[in-house]
Protein backbone atom coordinates (compact mmCIF):
# COMPACT_ATOMS: atom_id res chain seq x y z
CA MET A 1 8.18 12.57 11.27
CA ALA A 2 5.79 13.01 14.19
CA SER A 3 7.39 11.92 17.46
CA GLY A 4 4.39 9.74 18.30
CA LYS A 5 4.79 7.79 15.09
CA PHE A 6 8.54 7.44 15.70
CA SER A 7 7.95 6.14 19.24
CA GLU A 8 5.44 3.66 17.88
CA LEU A 9 7.86 2.40 15.21
CA ILE A 10 10.72 1.73 17.64
CA GLN A 11 8.53 -0.16 20.15
CA GLY A 12 8.16 -3.29 18.02
CA GLU A 13 9.69 -6.73 18.31
CA LYS A 14 11.57 -6.17 15.05
CA PRO A 15 14.84 -4.22 15.36
CA VAL A 16 14.71 -0.68 13.94
CA LEU A 17 17.90 0.92 12.64
CA VAL A 18 17.64 4.71 12.65
CA ASP A 19 20.05 6.74 10.56
CA PHE A 20 20.21 10.27 11.99
CA SER A 21 21.60 12.33 9.12
CA ALA A 22 21.55 15.71 7.39
CA GLU A 23 21.33 16.91 3.78
CA TRP A 24 24.61 18.84 4.04
CA CYS A 25 26.60 15.93 5.50
CA GLY A 26 29.06 14.19 3.15
CA PRO A 27 29.44 10.97 5.18
CA CYS A 28 25.62 10.80 5.44
CA LYS A 29 25.46 10.64 1.65
CA MET A 30 27.91 7.71 1.81
CA MET A 31 25.49 5.87 4.11
CA ALA A 32 22.61 5.92 1.58
CA PRO A 33 23.95 3.14 -0.71
CA ILE A 34 25.19 1.20 2.35
CA LEU A 35 21.71 1.24 3.89
CA SER A 36 20.19 0.29 0.53
CA GLU A 37 22.53 -2.71 0.36
CA LEU A 38 21.75 -3.58 3.98
CA LYS A 39 18.01 -3.50 3.30
CA HIS A 40 18.57 -5.89 0.39
CA GLN A 41 20.55 -8.25 2.66
CA ILE A 42 18.26 -8.27 5.70
CA GLY A 43 14.86 -7.96 4.03
CA ASP A 44 12.14 -7.97 6.68
CA HIS A 45 14.43 -8.79 9.61
CA ALA A 46 14.63 -5.10 10.53
CA THR A 47 13.20 -1.71 9.65
CA ILE A 48 15.54 1.06 8.48
CA LEU A 49 14.52 4.67 9.07
CA LYS A 50 16.27 7.86 8.01
CA VAL A 51 15.79 10.89 10.25
CA ASP A 52 16.93 14.32 9.10
CA VAL A 53 18.29 16.06 12.21
CA ASP A 54 17.56 19.51 10.81
CA ARG A 55 13.88 18.69 10.29
CA ASN A 56 13.56 16.56 13.43
CA GLN A 57 15.60 18.45 16.01
CA GLN A 58 13.48 17.14 18.87
CA ALA A 59 14.21 13.48 18.03
CA ALA A 60 17.91 14.27 17.65
CA ALA A 61 17.92 16.03 21.03
CA VAL A 62 16.04 13.22 22.80
CA TYR A 63 18.65 10.68 21.70
CA GLY A 64 21.65 12.97 22.20
CA VAL A 65 22.71 12.98 18.57
CA GLN A 66 25.71 15.32 18.44
CA SER A 67 27.20 14.35 15.09
CA VAL A 68 25.91 12.90 11.85
CA PRO A 69 25.60 10.28 10.69
CA THR A 70 24.66 8.57 13.95
CA LEU A 71 23.14 5.12 13.68
CA ILE A 72 21.00 3.82 16.54
CA LEU A 73 19.48 0.35 16.70
CA PHE A 74 16.28 0.08 18.74
CA ARG A 75 14.47 -3.04 19.89
CA LYS A 76 11.26 -2.82 21.93
CA GLY A 77 11.91 0.90 22.37
CA GLN A 78 15.35 0.39 23.90
CA ILE A 79 18.68 1.43 22.39
CA VAL A 80 20.66 -1.77 21.90
CA TRP A 81 23.51 -0.29 19.83
CA ARG A 82 24.68 3.09 18.56
CA GLN A 83 27.62 4.46 16.64
CA SER A 84 28.53 7.67 14.85
CA GLY A 85 30.16 7.68 11.45
CA VAL A 86 29.98 5.48 8.39
CA VAL A 87 29.46 1.78 9.16
CA PRO A 88 29.81 -0.95 6.50
CA ALA A 89 26.68 -2.92 5.51
CA GLU A 90 28.19 -6.25 6.62
CA SER A 91 28.89 -4.88 10.13
CA LEU A 92 25.36 -3.48 10.39
CA LYS A 93 23.91 -6.80 9.25
CA GLN A 94 25.80 -8.69 11.97
CA ILE A 95 24.71 -6.19 14.65
CA ILE A 96 21.06 -6.44 13.59
CA LEU A 97 21.11 -10.24 13.52
CA GLN A 98 22.61 -10.26 17.05
CA HIS A 99 19.63 -8.27 18.33
CA GLN A 100 16.74 -10.18 16.83
């Protein structure tokens, strides 16, 4: 993902949840169905992006991602929430709705 495109995506009014993950990461694989469920629950209320830290090392470095998965919620280009590890869909839904 080109960094310009990424910057553009996170600048919007709509919250953007970014899942920084890696192919080799077990917990990251656990996040895939959770994020799928979350997308089903929130519909167009937020955008969900997956960023592979091995392929996008610059983005990972810019946001200080030390471990995967790391979830970061952006709104208007600002980080409004972040957490490392597996987070349940219901928790993510509540966090996104708080930041609309």
